[in-house]
Amino acid sequence: MSVTPFCAVDPATGVEGVTVELASAQELDDRLVRAGLAFRAWSVAPLPQRVALLDRVAALLRARADELALLMANEVGKPLHEGRAEALKCAWLCEWCAQNAAELLAPHPTPSDASRSEVRAEPLGVVFGVMPWNFPFWQVFRYAAPSLAIGNGVLVKPAPSAPGCALALQALFDDAGAPAGLVQHLFIDVAAPGVLDRVVAHPAVAAVTVTGSERAGRAVAQAAGAALKKVVLELGGSDPVIVLDDADLARAATTAAASRCLNAGQSCIAAKRFIVHERCKDDFLPMLQRALAIQVVGDPRTPGTTVGPLARQDLRAALHAQVQASVQAGATAVLGGQIPDVPGWFYPVTLLVDLSSDMPVWREETFGPVAAVRFARDDDHALELANDTRYGLGAAVWTSSADRAERFARELRTGGVFVNGMVKSDPRLPFGGVGLSGFGRELGREGFYELANVKTVWMA
């Protein structure tokens, strides 16, 4: 295998694919300078020019959705239908930003003791993003689309295991006519001594965003703090799904199973901890087991596959270690739990019961198709179990009672609560978490302003 940090390996076969060499120190400096120059011109470009670029990118995303889906299957193991959906969601976000930018960026009159006072959202600078592999397009667009609408520049440090996706993403902007230097990918090793600090501290960079692990978040936050730069962290999650005794159990089981298995369970907002009211456990657990058992694990390029391989061998090893440690501590694997003897980094859909709070599959984030189930005596106990976590990204609650739904929405310590539905991101709604899930928001009105200079103008 190539020693370059940017090397794609097909998760279904282990065959090496696209490789990209690291940028030299001089190339990195040149790119940072170009980013600053491009921002200055873009920040004063008329809004219609800025949103027209997003519309052109959206059109290319729709036209190339199948091509991009195959690329994601080859590099991160995402089933083709999921990859296509990711590309189309990126297009939707670009279009939403283009359609709503004028309203979101319009000065907002605010009464004060001045004769005229208002709040404006203006360009902030170049936004540097450290991005993961699991949603190689969506994660970038979540900050890039609103940034470009605002008038910011965009730098992307892509995932080392998905360089082909990064090149394809760069081509989308280049082919759409983005000004030179406005959107750039940096093929750099941010773990190398001094590299991350060097980029973050550069005068052209005004803000940093990271989507990834707790470890990555700490490193980026430390670098941003040292340079006094704005930072947004979207980190891990251990999302609870709470099924109460008055829920539509069949729909809850089907939806929760789909959430757990999306992208082979490698999603920060996937359903991970299942909390089921004792009065409905005998009905719900068999439904959940059936919904998980019918998932089709296989080559992501094969029609009908719903769960592809995990993205890397080390990720599978880490997940299996969590499952084994939990089983050794007393958990029972009702489904799955064993690595199959086949090529690639596949892991079976797994269902665990007989859990306690100190087991890895409950205490830690599990990045793979592993569902951990516990039973709650009542609503108070369900809330206690759900909030017993260091994370706080999203939560789903299933109930037919408006009063119970409102209580859980109020008392769950998360960045989002979804009642009778799957936790998901939506361009129209803010997205982010609390605790070890990070801070700051992307998407929606709040995400727009997160990356802008929110300026107060007061006139006597």
Protein backbone atom coordinates (compact mmCIF):
# COMPACT_ATOMS: atom_id res chain seq x y z
CA MET A 1 0.00 0.00 0.00
CA SER A 2 1.19 3.50 -0.77
CA VAL A 3 2.69 5.47 2.09
CA THR A 4 0.94 8.67 1.10
CA PRO A 5 -1.69 9.71 3.68
CA PHE A 6 -4.18 10.32 0.86
CA CYS A 7 -4.89 6.86 -0.47
CA ALA A 8 -8.23 5.26 -1.26
CA VAL A 9 -8.74 1.56 -0.60
CA ASP A 10 -11.93 -0.17 -1.74
CA PRO A 11 -13.60 -1.30 1.53
CA ALA A 12 -15.31 -4.22 -0.21
CA THR A 13 -12.15 -5.69 -1.73
CA GLY A 14 -9.11 -4.10 -0.09
CA VAL A 15 -7.80 -3.00 -3.51
CA GLU A 16 -5.95 0.30 -3.58
CA GLY A 17 -7.42 3.11 -5.68
CA VAL A 18 -6.75 6.82 -6.11
CA THR A 19 -3.67 8.29 -4.43
CA VAL A 20 -2.75 11.94 -4.03
CA GLU A 21 0.62 13.24 -2.87
CA LEU A 22 0.91 15.63 0.03
CA ALA A 23 1.22 19.32 -0.77
CA SER A 24 4.65 20.79 -0.21
CA ALA A 25 5.16 23.59 2.29
CA GLN A 26 5.50 26.08 -0.57
CA GLU A 27 2.33 24.84 -2.26
CA LEU A 28 0.43 25.18 1.01
CA ASP A 29 1.65 28.76 1.45
CA ASP A 30 0.71 29.60 -2.14
CA ARG A 31 -2.78 28.19 -1.70
CA LEU A 32 -3.36 30.15 1.50
CA VAL A 33 -2.29 33.38 -0.20
CA ARG A 34 -4.57 32.67 -3.17
CA ALA A 35 -7.44 31.95 -0.80
CA GLY A 36 -7.04 35.35 0.83
CA LEU A 37 -6.93 37.16 -2.51
CA ALA A 38 -9.95 35.26 -3.82
CA PHE A 39 -11.93 36.09 -0.68
CA ARG A 40 -11.32 39.80 -1.07
CA ALA A 41 -12.82 39.81 -4.54
CA TRP A 42 -15.65 37.43 -3.69
CA SER A 43 -16.67 39.33 -0.55
CA VAL A 44 -17.63 42.36 -2.64
CA ALA A 45 -19.15 40.42 -5.53
CA PRO A 46 -22.89 41.11 -6.00
CA LEU A 47 -25.15 38.61 -4.27
CA PRO A 48 -26.72 37.44 -7.58
CA GLN A 49 -23.24 36.44 -8.76
CA ARG A 50 -22.60 34.47 -5.59
CA VAL A 51 -25.86 32.55 -5.60
CA ALA A 52 -25.58 31.88 -9.35
CA LEU A 53 -22.43 29.88 -8.61
CA LEU A 54 -24.37 27.75 -6.11
CA ASP A 55 -27.12 27.13 -8.65
CA ARG A 56 -24.56 25.98 -11.22
CA VAL A 57 -22.93 23.66 -8.69
CA ALA A 58 -26.35 22.25 -7.80
CA ALA A 59 -27.06 21.51 -11.46
CA LEU A 60 -23.74 19.66 -11.78
CA LEU A 61 -24.44 17.66 -8.63
CA ARG A 62 -27.74 16.49 -10.08
CA ALA A 63 -26.18 15.68 -13.45
CA ARG A 64 -23.29 13.75 -11.87
CA ALA A 65 -25.18 12.06 -9.03
CA ASP A 66 -24.67 8.53 -10.38
CA GLU A 67 -20.97 9.14 -11.05
CA LEU A 68 -20.44 10.53 -7.55
CA ALA A 69 -22.40 7.66 -6.00
CA LEU A 70 -20.07 5.13 -7.64
CA LEU A 71 -17.06 7.06 -6.38
CA MET A 72 -18.43 6.97 -2.82
CA ALA A 73 -19.09 3.24 -3.13
CA ASN A 74 -15.52 2.66 -4.26
CA GLU A 75 -13.86 4.79 -1.57
CA VAL A 76 -16.08 4.66 1.54
CA GLY A 77 -18.32 1.65 0.88
CA LYS A 78 -21.57 3.59 0.63
CA PRO A 79 -24.40 1.76 -1.22
CA LEU A 80 -25.19 3.38 -4.56
CA HIS A 81 -28.67 4.58 -3.59
CA GLU A 82 -27.27 6.28 -0.50
CA GLY A 83 -24.47 7.94 -2.46
CA ARG A 84 -26.92 9.27 -5.01
CA ALA A 85 -29.12 10.61 -2.21
CA GLU A 86 -26.09 12.36 -0.69
CA ALA A 87 -25.27 14.10 -3.95
CA LEU A 88 -28.87 15.23 -4.42
CA LYS A 89 -29.04 16.50 -0.83
CA CYS A 90 -25.97 18.62 -1.51
CA ALA A 91 -27.75 20.05 -4.54
CA TRP A 92 -30.80 20.82 -2.39
CA LEU A 93 -28.63 22.66 0.12
CA CYS A 94 -27.00 24.77 -2.61
CA GLU A 95 -30.41 25.64 -4.01
CA TRP A 96 -31.82 26.46 -0.56
CA CYS A 97 -28.91 28.79 0.16
CA ALA A 98 -29.31 30.46 -3.24
CA GLN A 99 -33.04 30.93 -2.76
CA ASN A 100 -32.85 32.25 0.79
CA ALA A 101 -29.59 34.20 0.86
CA ALA A 102 -31.20 37.55 0.04
CA GLU A 103 -33.58 37.29 2.98
CA LEU A 104 -31.01 35.90 5.40
CA LEU A 105 -28.39 38.51 4.51
CA ALA A 106 -30.73 41.50 4.41
CA PRO A 107 -30.10 44.08 7.17
CA HIS A 108 -32.42 43.46 10.11
CA PRO A 109 -33.78 46.69 11.64
CA THR A 110 -33.69 46.51 15.43
CA PRO A 111 -35.14 49.29 17.61
CA SER A 112 -32.76 50.90 20.10
CA ASP A 113 -31.99 54.37 21.44
CA ALA A 114 -30.57 55.27 18.00
CA SER A 115 -32.53 56.95 15.27
CA ARG A 116 -31.67 53.91 13.19
CA SER A 117 -30.07 50.64 14.21
CA GLU A 118 -29.79 47.34 12.42
CA VAL A 119 -27.99 44.02 12.41
CA ARG A 120 -26.14 42.93 9.29
CA ALA A 121 -24.60 39.59 8.29
CA GLU A 122 -21.44 40.24 6.32
CA PRO A 123 -18.54 38.13 5.00
CA LEU A 124 -16.18 36.85 7.68
CA GLY A 125 -13.20 35.57 5.69
CA VAL A 126 -11.86 32.22 4.55
CA VAL A 127 -13.38 29.23 6.37
CA PHE A 128 -11.10 26.23 6.79
CA GLY A 129 -12.82 22.87 7.18
CA VAL A 130 -11.29 19.62 8.45
CA MET A 131 -13.59 17.01 6.99
CA PRO A 132 -14.32 13.28 7.53
CA TRP A 133 -14.80 10.36 5.17
CA ASN A 134 -18.31 9.12 6.02
CA PHE A 135 -20.21 11.78 4.06
CA PRO A 136 -17.42 13.12 1.84
CA PHE A 137 -19.65 15.57 -0.05
CA TRP A 138 -22.44 16.48 2.37
CA GLN A 139 -20.14 17.40 5.24
CA VAL A 140 -18.23 19.83 3.04
CA PHE A 141 -21.31 21.42 1.51
CA ARG A 142 -22.85 21.97 4.95
CA TYR A 143 -20.37 24.77 5.55
CA ALA A 144 -19.21 25.56 2.01
CA ALA A 145 -22.61 26.45 0.50
CA PRO A 146 -23.63 29.04 3.12
CA SER A 147 -20.07 30.35 3.29
CA LEU A 148 -20.01 31.08 -0.43
CA ALA A 149 -23.45 32.71 -0.31
CA ILE A 150 -22.27 34.99 2.50
CA GLY A 151 -19.14 35.94 0.58
CA ASN A 152 -16.55 33.80 2.37
CA GLY A 153 -13.79 31.70 0.85
CA VAL A 154 -13.52 27.95 1.43
CA LEU A 155 -10.57 25.70 2.22
CA VAL A 156 -11.12 21.96 2.65
CA LYS A 157 -8.81 19.41 4.26
CA PRO A 158 -10.45 16.19 2.99
CA ALA A 159 -10.37 12.75 4.55
CA PRO A 160 -7.14 10.85 3.74
CA SER A 161 -9.11 7.76 2.71
CA ALA A 162 -11.33 9.52 0.15
CA PRO A 163 -9.05 11.54 -2.15
CA GLY A 164 -11.05 10.71 -5.28
CA CYS A 165 -14.15 12.23 -3.70
CA ALA A 166 -12.15 15.35 -2.86
CA LEU A 167 -10.93 15.69 -6.45
CA ALA A 168 -14.47 15.24 -7.76
CA LEU A 169 -15.77 17.86 -5.35
CA GLN A 170 -13.09 20.30 -6.46
CA ALA A 171 -14.06 19.65 -10.08
CA LEU A 172 -17.68 20.56 -9.31
CA PHE A 173 -16.68 24.06 -8.28
CA ASP A 174 -14.05 24.47 -10.99
CA ASP A 175 -16.46 23.35 -13.70
CA ALA A 176 -19.17 25.63 -12.30
CA GLY A 177 -16.87 28.61 -12.81
CA ALA A 178 -15.78 29.36 -9.26
CA PRO A 179 -13.09 32.07 -9.24
CA ALA A 180 -9.56 30.74 -8.95
CA GLY A 181 -8.56 30.14 -5.34
CA LEU A 182 -12.05 30.61 -3.89
CA VAL A 183 -12.64 26.90 -3.15
CA GLN A 184 -9.52 24.81 -2.62
CA HIS A 185 -8.67 21.40 -1.24
CA LEU A 186 -5.57 21.13 0.91
CA PHE A 187 -3.94 17.70 0.73
CA ILE A 188 -2.00 18.08 3.96
CA ASP A 189 -1.32 15.99 7.03
CA VAL A 190 -2.86 17.98 9.88
CA ALA A 191 -1.39 15.49 12.37
CA ALA A 192 2.15 16.45 11.34
CA PRO A 193 3.84 18.82 13.79
CA GLY A 194 2.90 22.45 13.19
CA VAL A 195 0.80 21.96 10.06
CA LEU A 196 -2.64 22.52 11.61
CA ASP A 197 -1.44 25.53 13.61
CA ARG A 198 0.17 26.98 10.49
CA VAL A 199 -3.07 26.90 8.49
CA VAL A 200 -5.34 28.08 11.28
CA ALA A 201 -3.04 30.97 12.24
CA HIS A 202 -2.71 32.22 8.66
CA PRO A 203 -4.10 35.76 8.25
CA ALA A 204 -6.41 34.65 5.44
CA VAL A 205 -8.23 32.13 7.64
CA ALA A 206 -11.02 33.64 9.73
CA ALA A 207 -12.79 30.55 11.03
CA VAL A 208 -12.36 26.81 11.33
CA THR A 209 -14.91 24.02 11.30
CA VAL A 210 -14.39 20.34 11.90
CA THR A 211 -16.64 17.34 11.55
CA GLY A 212 -15.08 14.28 13.09
CA SER A 213 -13.94 12.62 16.26
CA GLU A 214 -13.58 14.04 19.73
CA ARG A 215 -9.80 13.84 19.28
CA ALA A 216 -9.94 15.86 16.05
CA GLY A 217 -12.24 18.39 17.68
CA ARG A 218 -9.87 18.95 20.57
CA ALA A 219 -6.91 19.45 18.24
CA VAL A 220 -8.74 21.94 16.03
CA ALA A 221 -10.24 23.80 18.99
CA GLN A 222 -6.80 24.11 20.55
CA ALA A 223 -5.32 25.51 17.34
CA ALA A 224 -8.25 27.90 16.85
CA GLY A 225 -8.05 29.04 20.45
CA ALA A 226 -4.35 29.78 20.18
CA ALA A 227 -4.99 31.88 17.07
CA LEU A 228 -8.24 33.41 18.44
CA LYS A 229 -10.22 32.19 15.43
CA LYS A 230 -13.90 31.29 15.31
CA VAL A 231 -14.48 27.52 15.50
CA VAL A 232 -17.47 25.22 14.95
CA LEU A 233 -17.24 21.61 16.11
CA GLU A 234 -19.58 18.86 14.90
CA LEU A 235 -18.29 15.75 16.62
CA GLY A 236 -19.58 12.33 17.59
CA GLY A 237 -22.91 11.21 18.93
CA SER A 238 -24.54 8.32 20.76
CA ASP A 239 -28.11 9.12 19.85
CA PRO A 240 -30.89 7.50 21.86
CA VAL A 241 -34.11 6.22 20.35
CA ILE A 242 -36.82 6.15 23.01
CA VAL A 243 -39.83 3.94 22.33
CA LEU A 244 -42.70 4.51 24.75
CA ASP A 245 -45.56 2.12 25.34
CA ASP A 246 -48.09 4.18 23.34
CA ALA A 247 -45.91 4.37 20.21
CA ASP A 248 -46.60 3.00 16.75
CA LEU A 249 -44.23 0.10 17.40
CA ALA A 250 -44.02 -1.25 13.87
CA ARG A 251 -43.11 2.14 12.39
CA ALA A 252 -40.70 2.84 15.23
CA ALA A 253 -38.89 -0.46 14.68
CA THR A 254 -38.59 0.00 10.91
CA THR A 255 -37.42 3.59 11.16
CA ALA A 256 -34.98 2.95 13.99
CA ALA A 257 -33.44 -0.01 12.17
CA ALA A 258 -32.99 2.10 9.03
CA SER A 259 -31.37 4.85 11.10
CA ARG A 260 -28.97 2.39 12.74
CA CYS A 261 -27.93 0.92 9.38
CA LEU A 262 -27.63 4.08 7.28
CA ASN A 263 -24.11 4.28 5.82
CA ALA A 264 -23.38 0.96 7.59
CA GLY A 265 -24.07 2.72 10.89
CA GLN A 266 -21.19 5.16 10.32
CA SER A 267 -23.09 8.34 11.06
CA CYS A 268 -22.89 10.67 14.03
CA ILE A 269 -26.70 10.92 14.16
CA ALA A 270 -27.47 7.24 13.60
CA ALA A 271 -29.70 5.57 16.18
CA LYS A 272 -27.27 3.89 18.56
CA ARG A 273 -28.86 3.42 22.00
CA PHE A 274 -32.37 1.97 22.00
CA ILE A 275 -34.41 2.68 25.15
CA VAL A 276 -37.67 0.73 25.21
CA HIS A 277 -40.49 1.01 27.74
CA GLU A 278 -40.84 -2.28 29.65
CA ARG A 279 -44.56 -2.51 28.90
CA CYS A 280 -43.92 -2.84 25.15
CA LYS A 281 -40.58 -4.66 25.07
CA ASP A 282 -42.07 -8.09 24.29
CA ASP A 283 -43.78 -6.65 21.22
CA PHE A 284 -41.10 -4.21 20.09
CA LEU A 285 -37.93 -6.28 20.41
CA PRO A 286 -39.01 -8.98 17.88
CA MET A 287 -40.07 -6.22 15.47
CA LEU A 288 -36.70 -4.53 15.78
CA GLN A 289 -34.86 -7.82 15.36
CA ARG A 290 -36.79 -8.59 12.16
CA ALA A 291 -36.20 -5.09 10.79
CA LEU A 292 -32.46 -5.46 11.39
CA ALA A 293 -32.27 -9.05 10.14
CA ILE A 294 -33.71 -8.20 6.71
CA GLN A 295 -30.93 -5.70 5.99
CA VAL A 296 -28.78 -6.89 3.09
CA VAL A 297 -25.05 -6.67 3.81
CA GLY A 298 -22.99 -6.78 0.64
CA ASP A 299 -21.00 -5.04 -2.06
CA PRO A 300 -22.13 -1.39 -2.16
CA ARG A 301 -22.24 -1.47 -5.96
CA THR A 302 -24.71 -4.36 -6.04
CA PRO A 303 -28.39 -3.40 -6.42
CA GLY A 304 -30.34 -4.38 -3.33
CA THR A 305 -27.47 -3.90 -0.88
CA THR A 306 -28.62 -1.83 2.10
CA VAL A 307 -25.50 -2.13 4.28
CA GLY A 308 -22.05 -1.89 2.75
CA PRO A 309 -18.70 -2.59 4.40
CA LEU A 310 -17.17 -0.37 7.03
CA ALA A 311 -14.91 2.22 5.50
CA ARG A 312 -11.59 0.99 6.88
CA GLN A 313 -10.13 -2.13 8.47
CA ASP A 314 -9.15 -0.29 11.66
CA LEU A 315 -12.70 1.00 12.08
CA ARG A 316 -14.07 -2.53 11.92
CA ALA A 317 -11.50 -3.74 14.44
CA ALA A 318 -12.44 -0.95 16.86
CA LEU A 319 -16.17 -1.68 16.52
CA HIS A 320 -15.69 -5.40 17.04
CA ALA A 321 -13.58 -4.75 20.13
CA GLN A 322 -16.46 -2.73 21.60
CA VAL A 323 -18.90 -5.57 20.89
CA GLN A 324 -16.60 -8.27 22.28
CA ALA A 325 -15.86 -6.32 25.46
CA SER A 326 -19.58 -5.78 26.03
CA VAL A 327 -20.40 -9.46 25.49
CA GLN A 328 -17.62 -10.50 27.84
CA ALA A 329 -19.15 -8.13 30.42
CA GLY A 330 -22.54 -9.86 30.14
CA ALA A 331 -24.29 -8.51 27.03
CA THR A 332 -26.12 -10.96 24.76
CA ALA A 333 -25.80 -10.82 20.97
CA VAL A 334 -29.30 -11.63 19.69
CA LEU A 335 -28.12 -10.95 16.15
CA GLY A 336 -24.67 -10.73 14.53
CA GLY A 337 -21.57 -9.95 16.53
CA GLN A 338 -19.05 -11.99 14.50
CA ILE A 339 -16.71 -10.84 11.72
CA PRO A 340 -17.53 -12.73 8.52
CA ASP A 341 -14.82 -14.72 6.74
CA VAL A 342 -15.01 -12.81 3.45
CA PRO A 343 -12.83 -10.22 1.72
CA GLY A 344 -13.45 -6.60 2.63
CA TRP A 345 -14.33 -4.91 5.89
CA PHE A 346 -17.87 -6.10 6.33
CA TYR A 347 -19.57 -6.29 9.72
CA PRO A 348 -22.93 -7.96 10.34
CA VAL A 349 -25.93 -6.04 11.58
CA THR A 350 -25.80 -6.70 15.32
CA LEU A 351 -28.39 -6.50 18.10
CA LEU A 352 -27.28 -6.52 21.74
CA VAL A 353 -29.40 -6.81 24.89
CA ASP A 354 -28.73 -7.40 28.62
CA LEU A 355 -26.68 -4.23 28.80
CA SER A 356 -25.41 -2.02 31.61
CA SER A 357 -24.28 1.59 31.59
CA ASP A 358 -20.57 0.78 31.83
CA MET A 359 -20.42 -1.40 28.70
CA PRO A 360 -18.55 0.07 25.70
CA VAL A 361 -21.52 -0.22 23.33
CA TRP A 362 -23.52 1.97 25.69
CA ARG A 363 -20.88 4.31 27.06
CA GLU A 364 -18.97 4.95 23.82
CA GLU A 365 -19.98 5.92 20.32
CA THR A 366 -20.32 2.83 18.10
CA PHE A 367 -19.55 3.60 14.46
CA GLY A 368 -21.14 0.63 12.74
CA PRO A 369 -24.40 -1.34 12.47
CA VAL A 370 -24.67 -2.26 16.16
CA ALA A 371 -27.95 -1.64 18.03
CA ALA A 372 -27.77 -1.62 21.83
CA VAL A 373 -31.12 -2.09 23.64
CA ARG A 374 -32.11 -1.40 27.23
CA PHE A 375 -35.49 -1.30 28.91
CA ALA A 376 -36.95 1.57 30.95
CA ARG A 377 -39.36 1.22 33.86
CA ASP A 378 -41.16 4.50 33.11
CA ASP A 379 -40.67 7.89 31.48
CA ASP A 380 -38.39 9.15 34.24
CA HIS A 381 -36.12 6.14 33.83
CA ALA A 382 -36.11 6.53 30.03
CA LEU A 383 -34.97 10.14 30.36
CA GLU A 384 -32.33 9.14 32.88
CA LEU A 385 -30.92 6.49 30.52
CA ALA A 386 -31.04 8.80 27.50
CA ASN A 387 -29.25 11.65 29.26
CA ASP A 388 -26.62 9.36 30.81
CA THR A 389 -24.06 10.13 28.12
CA ARG A 390 -21.20 12.50 27.42
CA TYR A 391 -22.69 13.21 23.99
CA GLY A 392 -25.70 15.28 23.01
CA LEU A 393 -26.29 15.44 19.25
CA GLY A 394 -29.77 14.11 18.51
CA ALA A 395 -32.54 11.99 19.98
CA ALA A 396 -35.70 10.34 18.66
CA VAL A 397 -38.84 9.80 20.73
CA TRP A 398 -41.74 7.59 19.72
CA THR A 399 -45.09 8.26 21.39
CA SER A 400 -48.68 9.10 20.49
CA SER A 401 -48.99 11.52 23.41
CA ALA A 402 -48.38 15.20 22.73
CA ASP A 403 -47.74 15.82 26.42
CA ARG A 404 -45.12 13.07 26.68
CA ALA A 405 -43.50 14.24 23.44
CA GLU A 406 -43.27 17.79 24.76
CA ARG A 407 -41.73 16.65 28.02
CA PHE A 408 -39.03 14.61 26.27
CA ALA A 409 -38.35 17.44 23.81
CA ARG A 410 -37.85 19.76 26.77
CA GLU A 411 -35.78 17.50 29.04
CA LEU A 412 -33.49 15.65 26.61
CA ARG A 413 -30.02 17.25 26.60
CA THR A 414 -29.32 17.23 22.88
CA GLY A 415 -29.00 19.59 19.95
CA GLY A 416 -32.13 18.14 18.33
CA VAL A 417 -35.16 16.04 19.24
CA PHE A 418 -37.23 14.25 16.60
CA VAL A 419 -40.67 12.97 17.58
CA ASN A 420 -41.97 9.94 15.65
CA GLY A 421 -39.26 10.22 13.03
CA MET A 422 -35.59 9.66 12.24
CA VAL A 423 -32.92 12.08 13.41
CA LYS A 424 -31.60 13.80 10.30
CA SER A 425 -30.03 16.99 9.01
CA ASP A 426 -32.10 19.41 6.94
CA PRO A 427 -30.88 22.57 5.14
CA ARG A 428 -33.78 24.51 6.69
CA LEU A 429 -33.00 23.62 10.32
CA PRO A 430 -29.94 24.23 12.52
CA PHE A 431 -27.76 21.21 13.20
CA GLY A 432 -25.28 20.66 16.02
CA GLY A 433 -24.86 19.31 19.52
CA VAL A 434 -23.84 19.83 23.12
CA GLY A 435 -21.36 18.07 25.39
CA LEU A 436 -18.79 16.00 23.55
CA SER A 437 -20.89 16.33 20.39
CA GLY A 438 -19.40 19.80 19.95
CA PHE A 439 -20.71 23.34 19.73
CA GLY A 440 -21.87 25.82 17.14
CA ARG A 441 -24.48 25.20 14.48
CA GLU A 442 -24.58 24.46 10.78
CA LEU A 443 -27.52 24.79 8.40
CA GLY A 444 -30.67 26.87 8.73
CA ARG A 445 -30.71 30.53 9.70
CA GLU A 446 -28.53 29.90 12.74
CA GLY A 447 -25.91 28.07 10.69
CA PHE A 448 -25.80 30.93 8.19
CA TYR A 449 -25.00 33.46 10.89
CA GLU A 450 -22.46 31.14 12.54
CA LEU A 451 -20.11 31.78 9.60
CA ALA A 452 -20.85 35.48 9.13
CA ASN A 453 -19.68 38.69 10.73
CA VAL A 454 -22.86 39.67 12.56
CA LYS A 455 -22.41 43.43 12.65
CA THR A 456 -24.36 45.98 14.68
CA VAL A 457 -24.87 49.37 12.99
CA TRP A 458 -26.07 52.22 15.27
CA MET A 459 -26.81 55.72 13.98
CA ALA A 460 -27.67 58.64 16.27
